Amino acid sequence: MTKARLLKALDEVSTAGDRVQLWLRDDDAVEPSPALDRLMALTKAYSVPAIVAVIPENAGEPLSERLADEPHALVAVHGWSHHNYAPAGEKKQELGRHRPRETVLGELEAGFSKLAKLHGSRFRPMLVPPWNRIDEDLLSSLTSLGFTSLSIFGKERSASPIHLVNTHVDVMDWHGTRGGRPAEILFGEIADWIVREDRPPVIGVLTHHLVHDELVWSFLNELFEVTSGHSASVWIDPVVVS
């Protein structure tokens, strides 16, 4: 599974007269950092829109001022505090059934309002649940809070009360080294999504700038170089703005 396999998949798409749409979601931003600077520089160099999932509770003017200089940087709502309320033995979750429904929705409403005011035209009404998990019973209420889309991880299901714009390839090896995953595997996974008969409308790549190692940065540079230079692929802002 190499970069050549990704190029082959894109060539096949081009031959078919089609085009693949890609998007980048980067999680866990709160404040400016050298890692965020590096992500901004890299995505800017290749004209890749970066959807930055910001944790609202402790985010403030410093991050807003930093992103004001990056017209390709967009902001989504990453829960409220990124706090785990699930008991030991359960998968981590902030937006679950462990607290009253009105409490969870109230925090999401506060996060939406705070980030919309801080980031203005950069703000996108997308909810990115921490750990990519959210209680199903909350979904029907998200649009009433102003959200137009939800982003988790994996193939979008066919029926949802809110528009799904998922990520499909995560650059991090969370269950192993906790560093970057090998580039050849990542290129192969993206190629697999491209050639699927049920290919998503937009293929999402998930990053986490604060924990990237050199393996990740190198992969992203190669990925952007390959895809930005190919006529059959385009990086987009996938969020529906009302």
C-alpha atoms as a PDB file:
ATOM      1  CA  MET A   1       0.000   0.000   0.000  1.00  0.00           C
ATOM      2  CA  THR A   2       2.011   2.919  -1.266  1.00  0.00           C
ATOM      3  CA  LYS A   3       1.588   6.385  -2.662  1.00  0.00           C
ATOM      4  CA  ALA A   4       1.554   4.787  -6.120  1.00  0.00           C
ATOM      5  CA  ARG A   5      -1.701   3.035  -5.225  1.00  0.00           C
ATOM      6  CA  LEU A   6      -3.330   6.348  -4.378  1.00  0.00           C
ATOM      7  CA  LEU A   7      -2.126   7.831  -7.657  1.00  0.00           C
ATOM      8  CA  LYS A   8      -3.533   4.837  -9.529  1.00  0.00           C
ATOM      9  CA  ALA A   9      -6.922   5.308  -7.854  1.00  0.00           C
ATOM     10  CA  LEU A  10      -6.949   8.999  -8.772  1.00  0.00           C
ATOM     11  CA  ASP A  11      -5.936   8.218 -12.348  1.00  0.00           C
ATOM     12  CA  GLU A  12      -8.864   5.807 -12.619  1.00  0.00           C
ATOM     13  CA  VAL A  13     -11.210   8.495 -11.317  1.00  0.00           C
ATOM     14  CA  SER A  14      -9.850  10.928 -13.891  1.00  0.00           C
ATOM     15  CA  THR A  15     -10.286   8.411 -16.709  1.00  0.00           C
ATOM     16  CA  ALA A  16     -13.914   7.971 -15.655  1.00  0.00           C
ATOM     17  CA  GLY A  17     -14.446  11.725 -15.877  1.00  0.00           C
ATOM     18  CA  ASP A  18     -15.027  11.985 -12.137  1.00  0.00           C
ATOM     19  CA  ARG A  19     -13.436  13.928  -9.295  1.00  0.00           C
ATOM     20  CA  VAL A  20     -12.765  13.067  -5.645  1.00  0.00           C
ATOM     21  CA  GLN A  21     -13.551  15.622  -2.944  1.00  0.00           C
ATOM     22  CA  LEU A  22     -11.404  15.594   0.202  1.00  0.00           C
ATOM     23  CA  TRP A  23     -11.552  17.522   3.440  1.00  0.00           C
ATOM     24  CA  LEU A  24      -9.297  17.992   6.463  1.00  0.00           C
ATOM     25  CA  ARG A  25     -10.528  18.061  10.064  1.00  0.00           C
ATOM     26  CA  ASP A  26      -8.071  18.860  12.835  1.00  0.00           C
ATOM     27  CA  ASP A  27      -9.204  18.274  16.420  1.00  0.00           C
ATOM     28  CA  ASP A  28      -8.573  19.699  19.900  1.00  0.00           C
ATOM     29  CA  ALA A  29      -7.529  23.316  19.314  1.00  0.00           C
ATOM     30  CA  VAL A  30      -7.805  25.701  22.268  1.00  0.00           C
ATOM     31  CA  GLU A  31      -4.972  28.210  21.898  1.00  0.00           C
ATOM     32  CA  PRO A  32      -2.126  29.131  19.542  1.00  0.00           C
ATOM     33  CA  SER A  33       0.857  26.780  19.527  1.00  0.00           C
ATOM     34  CA  PRO A  34       3.902  25.963  17.398  1.00  0.00           C
ATOM     35  CA  ALA A  35       2.094  22.832  16.205  1.00  0.00           C
ATOM     36  CA  LEU A  36      -0.897  24.888  15.061  1.00  0.00           C
ATOM     37  CA  ASP A  37       1.477  27.277  13.296  1.00  0.00           C
ATOM     38  CA  ARG A  38       2.993  24.333  11.453  1.00  0.00           C
ATOM     39  CA  LEU A  39      -0.412  23.008  10.422  1.00  0.00           C
ATOM     40  CA  MET A  40      -1.486  26.428   9.181  1.00  0.00           C
ATOM     41  CA  ALA A  41       1.698  26.873   7.151  1.00  0.00           C
ATOM     42  CA  LEU A  42       1.447  23.423   5.588  1.00  0.00           C
ATOM     43  CA  THR A  43      -2.219  23.660   4.636  1.00  0.00           C
ATOM     44  CA  LYS A  44      -1.780  27.201   3.345  1.00  0.00           C
ATOM     45  CA  ALA A  45       1.111  26.132   1.117  1.00  0.00           C
ATOM     46  CA  TYR A  46      -1.175  23.677  -0.693  1.00  0.00           C
ATOM     47  CA  SER A  47      -4.401  25.733  -0.463  1.00  0.00           C
ATOM     48  CA  VAL A  48      -6.070  23.083   1.703  1.00  0.00           C
ATOM     49  CA  PRO A  49      -9.026  24.371   3.769  1.00  0.00           C
ATOM     50  CA  ALA A  50      -8.494  23.351   7.403  1.00  0.00           C
ATOM     51  CA  ILE A  51     -11.561  22.749   9.567  1.00  0.00           C
ATOM     52  CA  VAL A  52     -10.213  23.281  13.078  1.00  0.00           C
ATOM     53  CA  ALA A  53     -12.387  21.645  15.751  1.00  0.00           C
ATOM     54  CA  VAL A  54     -12.095  24.014  18.716  1.00  0.00           C
ATOM     55  CA  ILE A  55     -12.885  23.094  22.331  1.00  0.00           C
ATOM     56  CA  PRO A  56     -15.024  26.101  23.369  1.00  0.00           C
ATOM     57  CA  GLU A  57     -14.773  26.162  27.170  1.00  0.00           C
ATOM     58  CA  ASN A  58     -11.244  27.574  27.439  1.00  0.00           C
ATOM     59  CA  ALA A  59     -10.830  28.977  23.930  1.00  0.00           C
ATOM     60  CA  GLY A  60     -10.641  32.746  23.649  1.00  0.00           C
ATOM     61  CA  GLU A  61      -9.294  35.763  21.820  1.00  0.00           C
ATOM     62  CA  PRO A  62      -5.723  34.467  21.366  1.00  0.00           C
ATOM     63  CA  LEU A  63      -6.869  31.640  19.086  1.00  0.00           C
ATOM     64  CA  SER A  64      -9.314  33.908  17.277  1.00  0.00           C
ATOM     65  CA  GLU A  65      -6.572  36.453  16.632  1.00  0.00           C
ATOM     66  CA  ARG A  66      -4.169  33.762  15.443  1.00  0.00           C
ATOM     67  CA  LEU A  67      -6.635  32.302  12.946  1.00  0.00           C
ATOM     68  CA  ALA A  68      -7.662  35.746  11.698  1.00  0.00           C
ATOM     69  CA  ASP A  69      -4.501  35.717   9.578  1.00  0.00           C
ATOM     70  CA  GLU A  70      -5.415  32.384   7.961  1.00  0.00           C
ATOM     71  CA  PRO A  71      -8.251  32.747   5.419  1.00  0.00           C
ATOM     72  CA  HIS A  72      -8.157  28.993   4.742  1.00  0.00           C
ATOM     73  CA  ALA A  73      -8.755  28.157   8.434  1.00  0.00           C
ATOM     74  CA  LEU A  74     -12.348  27.431   9.496  1.00  0.00           C
ATOM     75  CA  VAL A  75     -13.730  26.651  12.955  1.00  0.00           C
ATOM     76  CA  ALA A  76     -16.113  23.912  14.140  1.00  0.00           C
ATOM     77  CA  VAL A  77     -17.494  23.163  17.624  1.00  0.00           C
ATOM     78  CA  HIS A  78     -15.641  20.356  19.442  1.00  0.00           C
ATOM     79  CA  GLY A  79     -18.093  19.600  22.244  1.00  0.00           C
ATOM     80  CA  TRP A  80     -17.744  21.984  25.185  1.00  0.00           C
ATOM     81  CA  SER A  81     -14.927  20.947  27.532  1.00  0.00           C
ATOM     82  CA  HIS A  82     -13.720  17.628  26.056  1.00  0.00           C
ATOM     83  CA  HIS A  83     -14.379  16.105  29.485  1.00  0.00           C
ATOM     84  CA  ASN A  84     -15.171  12.414  29.848  1.00  0.00           C
ATOM     85  CA  TYR A  85     -18.343  11.681  31.823  1.00  0.00           C
ATOM     86  CA  ALA A  86     -18.488   7.955  31.128  1.00  0.00           C
ATOM     87  CA  PRO A  87     -17.693   5.651  34.058  1.00  0.00           C
ATOM     88  CA  ALA A  88     -14.676   3.374  34.149  1.00  0.00           C
ATOM     89  CA  GLY A  89     -15.095   0.464  31.780  1.00  0.00           C
ATOM     90  CA  GLU A  90     -17.031   2.454  29.164  1.00  0.00           C
ATOM     91  CA  LYS A  91     -15.627   4.264  26.145  1.00  0.00           C
ATOM     92  CA  LYS A  92     -14.906   7.936  26.767  1.00  0.00           C
ATOM     93  CA  GLN A  93     -17.784  10.272  26.001  1.00  0.00           C
ATOM     94  CA  GLU A  94     -18.762  13.853  26.748  1.00  0.00           C
ATOM     95  CA  LEU A  95     -22.018  13.923  24.798  1.00  0.00           C
ATOM     96  CA  GLY A  96     -23.620  10.817  26.263  1.00  0.00           C
ATOM     97  CA  ARG A  97     -26.433   9.790  28.600  1.00  0.00           C
ATOM     98  CA  HIS A  98     -24.354  10.281  31.720  1.00  0.00           C
ATOM     99  CA  ARG A  99     -25.804  13.741  32.398  1.00  0.00           C
ATOM    100  CA  PRO A 100     -29.225  15.357  31.929  1.00  0.00           C
ATOM    101  CA  ARG A 101     -30.060  15.940  28.285  1.00  0.00           C
ATOM    102  CA  GLU A 102     -30.751  19.634  28.857  1.00  0.00           C
ATOM    103  CA  THR A 103     -27.307  20.057  30.444  1.00  0.00           C
ATOM    104  CA  VAL A 104     -25.521  18.596  27.435  1.00  0.00           C
ATOM    105  CA  LEU A 105     -27.582  20.592  24.940  1.00  0.00           C
ATOM    106  CA  GLY A 106     -27.067  23.744  26.995  1.00  0.00           C
ATOM    107  CA  GLU A 107     -23.308  23.340  26.801  1.00  0.00           C
ATOM    108  CA  LEU A 108     -23.453  22.759  23.055  1.00  0.00           C
ATOM    109  CA  GLU A 109     -25.566  25.884  22.627  1.00  0.00           C
ATOM    110  CA  ALA A 110     -23.063  27.869  24.689  1.00  0.00           C
ATOM    111  CA  GLY A 111     -20.163  26.501  22.662  1.00  0.00           C
ATOM    112  CA  PHE A 112     -21.884  27.348  19.389  1.00  0.00           C
ATOM    113  CA  SER A 113     -22.605  30.912  20.514  1.00  0.00           C
ATOM    114  CA  LYS A 114     -19.122  31.505  21.921  1.00  0.00           C
ATOM    115  CA  LEU A 115     -17.222  30.305  18.866  1.00  0.00           C
ATOM    116  CA  ALA A 116     -19.586  32.041  16.433  1.00  0.00           C
ATOM    117  CA  LYS A 117     -18.903  35.355  18.183  1.00  0.00           C
ATOM    118  CA  LEU A 118     -15.162  34.784  18.433  1.00  0.00           C
ATOM    119  CA  HIS A 119     -14.581  33.608  14.881  1.00  0.00           C
ATOM    120  CA  GLY A 120     -17.218  35.347  12.769  1.00  0.00           C
ATOM    121  CA  SER A 121     -17.067  34.343   9.117  1.00  0.00           C
ATOM    122  CA  ARG A 122     -14.559  31.561   9.882  1.00  0.00           C
ATOM    123  CA  PHE A 123     -17.141  29.789  12.035  1.00  0.00           C
ATOM    124  CA  ARG A 124     -18.875  26.750  10.607  1.00  0.00           C
ATOM    125  CA  PRO A 125     -22.069  25.341  12.240  1.00  0.00           C
ATOM    126  CA  MET A 126     -20.608  21.840  12.500  1.00  0.00           C
ATOM    127  CA  LEU A 127     -20.534  19.742  15.672  1.00  0.00           C
ATOM    128  CA  VAL A 128     -17.509  17.501  16.183  1.00  0.00           C
ATOM    129  CA  PRO A 129     -18.183  15.287  19.245  1.00  0.00           C
ATOM    130  CA  PRO A 130     -15.141  14.568  21.412  1.00  0.00           C
ATOM    131  CA  TRP A 131     -13.924  11.023  20.781  1.00  0.00           C
ATOM    132  CA  ASN A 132     -16.325  10.967  17.796  1.00  0.00           C
ATOM    133  CA  ARG A 133     -19.166   9.787  20.051  1.00  0.00           C
ATOM    134  CA  ILE A 134     -22.599  11.278  20.690  1.00  0.00           C
ATOM    135  CA  ASP A 135     -25.828   9.863  22.101  1.00  0.00           C
ATOM    136  CA  GLU A 136     -28.329   9.155  19.316  1.00  0.00           C
ATOM    137  CA  ASP A 137     -31.109  10.864  21.276  1.00  0.00           C
ATOM    138  CA  LEU A 138     -29.331  14.221  20.973  1.00  0.00           C
ATOM    139  CA  LEU A 139     -29.164  14.257  17.180  1.00  0.00           C
ATOM    140  CA  SER A 140     -32.711  15.460  16.549  1.00  0.00           C
ATOM    141  CA  SER A 141     -32.090  18.577  18.678  1.00  0.00           C
ATOM    142  CA  LEU A 142     -28.879  19.756  17.024  1.00  0.00           C
ATOM    143  CA  THR A 143     -30.501  21.721  14.211  1.00  0.00           C
ATOM    144  CA  SER A 144     -32.565  23.710  16.718  1.00  0.00           C
ATOM    145  CA  LEU A 145     -29.263  24.872  18.241  1.00  0.00           C
ATOM    146  CA  GLY A 146     -28.070  26.100  14.845  1.00  0.00           C
ATOM    147  CA  PHE A 147     -25.917  23.184  13.735  1.00  0.00           C
ATOM    148  CA  THR A 148     -26.204  22.205  10.073  1.00  0.00           C
ATOM    149  CA  SER A 149     -23.837  19.230  10.157  1.00  0.00           C
ATOM    150  CA  LEU A 150     -22.281  16.595  12.399  1.00  0.00           C
ATOM    151  CA  SER A 151     -18.873  15.005  11.934  1.00  0.00           C
ATOM    152  CA  ILE A 152     -17.791  11.735  13.530  1.00  0.00           C
ATOM    153  CA  PHE A 153     -15.574   8.916  12.206  1.00  0.00           C
ATOM    154  CA  GLY A 154     -16.382   6.192   9.698  1.00  0.00           C
ATOM    155  CA  LYS A 155     -18.862   5.594   6.909  1.00  0.00           C
ATOM    156  CA  GLU A 156     -21.889   7.878   7.005  1.00  0.00           C
ATOM    157  CA  ARG A 157     -25.092   6.013   7.750  1.00  0.00           C
ATOM    158  CA  SER A 158     -27.925   6.307   5.264  1.00  0.00           C
ATOM    159  CA  ALA A 159     -30.442   7.941   7.617  1.00  0.00           C
ATOM    160  CA  SER A 160     -29.690  10.767  10.041  1.00  0.00           C
ATOM    161  CA  PRO A 161     -31.704  13.716  11.395  1.00  0.00           C
ATOM    162  CA  ILE A 162     -28.709  15.968  10.651  1.00  0.00           C
ATOM    163  CA  HIS A 163     -26.332  16.143   7.686  1.00  0.00           C
ATOM    164  CA  LEU A 164     -23.276  13.924   8.259  1.00  0.00           C
ATOM    165  CA  VAL A 165     -19.807  14.922   7.059  1.00  0.00           C
ATOM    166  CA  ASN A 166     -17.560  12.277   8.549  1.00  0.00           C
ATOM    167  CA  THR A 167     -13.850  11.664   8.609  1.00  0.00           C
ATOM    168  CA  HIS A 168     -12.661   8.305   7.298  1.00  0.00           C
ATOM    169  CA  VAL A 169      -8.886   8.119   7.770  1.00  0.00           C
ATOM    170  CA  ASP A 170      -7.131   8.984  11.060  1.00  0.00           C
ATOM    171  CA  VAL A 171      -3.401   9.699  10.883  1.00  0.00           C
ATOM    172  CA  MET A 172      -2.785   8.645  14.502  1.00  0.00           C
ATOM    173  CA  ASP A 173      -2.162   5.164  15.910  1.00  0.00           C
ATOM    174  CA  TRP A 174      -4.202   5.583  19.089  1.00  0.00           C
ATOM    175  CA  HIS A 175      -4.186   1.926  20.102  1.00  0.00           C
ATOM    176  CA  GLY A 176      -0.526   1.221  19.387  1.00  0.00           C
ATOM    177  CA  THR A 177       2.395   3.630  19.330  1.00  0.00           C
ATOM    178  CA  ARG A 178       0.178   6.707  19.826  1.00  0.00           C
ATOM    179  CA  GLY A 179       2.309   8.277  17.124  1.00  0.00           C
ATOM    180  CA  GLY A 180       1.728   8.602  13.424  1.00  0.00           C
ATOM    181  CA  ARG A 181       0.550   5.640  11.380  1.00  0.00           C
ATOM    182  CA  PRO A 182       2.777   4.452   8.504  1.00  0.00           C
ATOM    183  CA  ALA A 183       2.307   6.512   5.353  1.00  0.00           C
ATOM    184  CA  GLU A 184       1.913   3.462   3.130  1.00  0.00           C
ATOM    185  CA  ILE A 185      -1.080   2.307   5.181  1.00  0.00           C
ATOM    186  CA  LEU A 186      -2.683   5.757   5.131  1.00  0.00           C
ATOM    187  CA  PHE A 187      -2.231   6.150   1.375  1.00  0.00           C
ATOM    188  CA  GLY A 188      -3.761   2.703   0.959  1.00  0.00           C
ATOM    189  CA  GLU A 189      -6.778   3.523   3.128  1.00  0.00           C
ATOM    190  CA  ILE A 190      -7.489   6.704   1.181  1.00  0.00           C
ATOM    191  CA  ALA A 191      -7.201   4.745  -2.071  1.00  0.00           C
ATOM    192  CA  ASP A 192      -9.650   2.170  -0.680  1.00  0.00           C
ATOM    193  CA  TRP A 193     -12.216   4.892   0.032  1.00  0.00           C
ATOM    194  CA  ILE A 194     -11.757   6.340  -3.442  1.00  0.00           C
ATOM    195  CA  VAL A 195     -12.428   3.070  -5.277  1.00  0.00           C
ATOM    196  CA  ARG A 196     -15.426   2.010  -3.172  1.00  0.00           C
ATOM    197  CA  GLU A 197     -18.716   1.784  -5.031  1.00  0.00           C
ATOM    198  CA  ASP A 198     -20.317   3.618  -2.097  1.00  0.00           C
ATOM    199  CA  ARG A 199     -17.610   6.280  -1.889  1.00  0.00           C
ATOM    200  CA  PRO A 200     -18.652   9.139   0.417  1.00  0.00           C
ATOM    201  CA  PRO A 201     -19.380  12.486  -1.267  1.00  0.00           C
ATOM    202  CA  VAL A 202     -16.369  13.865   0.611  1.00  0.00           C
ATOM    203  CA  ILE A 203     -13.527  11.769   2.060  1.00  0.00           C
ATOM    204  CA  GLY A 204     -12.332  13.125   5.405  1.00  0.00           C
ATOM    205  CA  VAL A 205      -8.795  12.999   6.790  1.00  0.00           C
ATOM    206  CA  LEU A 206      -8.555  13.431  10.572  1.00  0.00           C
ATOM    207  CA  THR A 207      -5.535  15.068  12.214  1.00  0.00           C
ATOM    208  CA  HIS A 208      -4.602  16.187  15.737  1.00  0.00           C
ATOM    209  CA  HIS A 209      -1.897  18.852  15.450  1.00  0.00           C
ATOM    210  CA  LEU A 210      -0.922  18.833  19.133  1.00  0.00           C
ATOM    211  CA  VAL A 211       0.298  15.218  19.061  1.00  0.00           C
ATOM    212  CA  HIS A 212       1.768  14.915  15.565  1.00  0.00           C
ATOM    213  CA  ASP A 213       5.217  13.422  15.191  1.00  0.00           C
ATOM    214  CA  GLU A 214       7.469  13.811  12.157  1.00  0.00           C
ATOM    215  CA  LEU A 215       5.861  10.750  10.575  1.00  0.00           C
ATOM    216  CA  VAL A 216       2.529  12.582  10.426  1.00  0.00           C
ATOM    217  CA  TRP A 217       3.938  15.860   9.159  1.00  0.00           C
ATOM    218  CA  SER A 218       5.852  14.064   6.420  1.00  0.00           C
ATOM    219  CA  PHE A 219       2.760  12.104   5.379  1.00  0.00           C
ATOM    220  CA  LEU A 220       0.582  15.212   5.218  1.00  0.00           C
ATOM    221  CA  ASN A 221       3.120  17.006   3.067  1.00  0.00           C
ATOM    222  CA  GLU A 222       3.219  14.067   0.647  1.00  0.00           C
ATOM    223  CA  LEU A 223      -0.568  13.712   0.650  1.00  0.00           C
ATOM    224  CA  PHE A 224      -1.150  17.384  -0.103  1.00  0.00           C
ATOM    225  CA  GLU A 225       1.526  17.347  -2.791  1.00  0.00           C
ATOM    226  CA  VAL A 226      -0.010  14.344  -4.551  1.00  0.00           C
ATOM    227  CA  THR A 227      -3.651  15.378  -4.299  1.00  0.00           C
ATOM    228  CA  SER A 228      -3.255  19.105  -4.907  1.00  0.00           C
ATOM    229  CA  GLY A 229      -1.351  18.366  -8.080  1.00  0.00           C
ATOM    230  CA  HIS A 230      -3.875  15.892  -9.486  1.00  0.00           C
ATOM    231  CA  SER A 231      -6.824  16.946 -11.635  1.00  0.00           C
ATOM    232  CA  ALA A 232      -9.067  14.245 -10.125  1.00  0.00           C
ATOM    233  CA  SER A 233      -8.924  15.517  -6.535  1.00  0.00           C
ATOM    234  CA  VAL A 234      -9.857  18.718  -4.747  1.00  0.00           C
ATOM    235  CA  TRP A 235      -9.754  19.795  -1.089  1.00  0.00           C
ATOM    236  CA  ILE A 236     -12.920  21.586  -0.007  1.00  0.00           C
ATOM    237  CA  ASP A 237     -14.807  23.221   2.846  1.00  0.00           C
ATOM    238  CA  PRO A 238     -17.607  20.634   3.234  1.00  0.00           C
ATOM    239  CA  VAL A 239     -19.806  22.459   5.723  1.00  0.00           C
ATOM    240  CA  VAL A 240     -23.305  23.602   4.802  1.00  0.00           C
ATOM    241  CA  VAL A 241     -23.733  27.212   5.921  1.00  0.00           C
ATOM    242  CA  SER A 242     -27.301  28.481   6.143  1.00  0.00           C
END
